[in-house]
């Protein structure tokens, strides 16, 4: 007999674990974007908007 695997995802926000399903779609999108940004920065990616902003400051 097969049993379905159930996965519960929790996100730690300000030292409190919240179930992923408790967030609104808007909050899920914001969390996903923030996690993606954090992962890309950990690999050394710098957004072009930040690079362009620093270049503009250097020219003034």
C-alpha atoms as a PDB file:
ATOM      1  CA  UNK A   1       0.000   0.000   0.000  1.00  0.00           C
ATOM      2  CA  UNK A   2       1.378   3.435  -0.997  1.00  0.00           C
ATOM      3  CA  UNK A   3       1.230   6.403   1.301  1.00  0.00           C
ATOM      4  CA  UNK A   4       1.515   9.982   0.166  1.00  0.00           C
ATOM      5  CA  UNK A   5       4.452  11.975   1.438  1.00  0.00           C
ATOM      6  CA  UNK A   6       3.408  15.122   3.237  1.00  0.00           C
ATOM      7  CA  UNK A   7       5.928  17.940   3.518  1.00  0.00           C
ATOM      8  CA  UNK A   8       5.458  20.787   5.967  1.00  0.00           C
ATOM      9  CA  UNK A   9       7.462  23.911   5.216  1.00  0.00           C
ATOM     10  CA  UNK A  10       8.171  26.411   7.982  1.00  0.00           C
ATOM     11  CA  UNK A  11       9.778  29.817   7.623  1.00  0.00           C
ATOM     12  CA  UNK A  12      11.683  31.368  10.523  1.00  0.00           C
ATOM     13  CA  UNK A  13      10.752  35.042  10.826  1.00  0.00           C
ATOM     14  CA  UNK A  14      12.083  36.944  13.839  1.00  0.00           C
ATOM     15  CA  UNK A  15      12.841  33.685  15.686  1.00  0.00           C
ATOM     16  CA  UNK A  16       9.320  32.314  15.207  1.00  0.00           C
ATOM     17  CA  UNK A  17       8.546  29.448  12.866  1.00  0.00           C
ATOM     18  CA  UNK A  18       5.476  30.042  10.729  1.00  0.00           C
ATOM     19  CA  UNK A  19       3.933  27.422   8.426  1.00  0.00           C
ATOM     20  CA  UNK A  20       4.262  28.346   4.746  1.00  0.00           C
ATOM     21  CA  UNK A  21       0.562  27.712   4.162  1.00  0.00           C
ATOM     22  CA  UNK A  22      -0.384  30.400   6.702  1.00  0.00           C
ATOM     23  CA  UNK A  23       0.977  33.236   4.520  1.00  0.00           C
ATOM     24  CA  UNK A  24      -1.015  35.161   1.940  1.00  0.00           C
ATOM     25  CA  UNK A  25      -0.024  34.835  -1.707  1.00  0.00           C
ATOM     26  CA  UNK A  26       1.470  38.335  -1.597  1.00  0.00           C
ATOM     27  CA  UNK A  27       3.603  37.471   1.461  1.00  0.00           C
ATOM     28  CA  UNK A  28       4.714  34.177  -0.175  1.00  0.00           C
ATOM     29  CA  UNK A  29       5.833  36.141  -3.241  1.00  0.00           C
ATOM     30  CA  UNK A  30       7.792  38.630  -1.118  1.00  0.00           C
ATOM     31  CA  UNK A  31       9.461  35.849   0.888  1.00  0.00           C
ATOM     32  CA  UNK A  32      10.353  33.978  -2.310  1.00  0.00           C
ATOM     33  CA  UNK A  33      11.856  37.092  -3.857  1.00  0.00           C
ATOM     34  CA  UNK A  34      13.870  37.839  -0.704  1.00  0.00           C
ATOM     35  CA  UNK A  35      15.199  34.263  -0.507  1.00  0.00           C
ATOM     36  CA  UNK A  36      16.142  34.327  -4.192  1.00  0.00           C
ATOM     37  CA  UNK A  37      17.935  37.664  -3.764  1.00  0.00           C
ATOM     38  CA  UNK A  38      19.814  36.349  -0.738  1.00  0.00           C
ATOM     39  CA  UNK A  39      20.917  33.217  -2.612  1.00  0.00           C
ATOM     40  CA  UNK A  40      22.094  35.192  -5.644  1.00  0.00           C
ATOM     41  CA  UNK A  41      24.074  37.612  -3.467  1.00  0.00           C
ATOM     42  CA  UNK A  42      25.691  34.663  -1.669  1.00  0.00           C
ATOM     43  CA  UNK A  43      26.986  33.542  -5.078  1.00  0.00           C
ATOM     44  CA  UNK A  44      28.437  36.997  -5.731  1.00  0.00           C
ATOM     45  CA  UNK A  45      25.703  38.517  -7.889  1.00  0.00           C
ATOM     46  CA  UNK A  46      25.281  42.290  -7.590  1.00  0.00           C
ATOM     47  CA  UNK A  47      22.126  43.767  -9.159  1.00  0.00           C
ATOM     48  CA  UNK A  48      22.894  46.110 -12.040  1.00  0.00           C
ATOM     49  CA  UNK A  49      20.754  48.820 -10.423  1.00  0.00           C
ATOM     50  CA  UNK A  50      23.176  48.858  -7.483  1.00  0.00           C
ATOM     51  CA  UNK A  51      26.214  48.896  -9.755  1.00  0.00           C
ATOM     52  CA  UNK A  52      24.762  51.744 -11.825  1.00  0.00           C
ATOM     53  CA  UNK A  53      23.840  53.650  -8.637  1.00  0.00           C
ATOM     54  CA  UNK A  54      27.409  53.416  -7.319  1.00  0.00           C
ATOM     55  CA  UNK A  55      28.817  54.553 -10.655  1.00  0.00           C
ATOM     56  CA  UNK A  56      26.506  57.565 -10.628  1.00  0.00           C
ATOM     57  CA  UNK A  57      27.635  58.490  -7.111  1.00  0.00           C
ATOM     58  CA  UNK A  58      31.303  58.250  -8.186  1.00  0.00           C
ATOM     59  CA  UNK A  59      30.720  60.660 -11.078  1.00  0.00           C
ATOM     60  CA  UNK A  60      29.329  63.421  -8.817  1.00  0.00           C
END
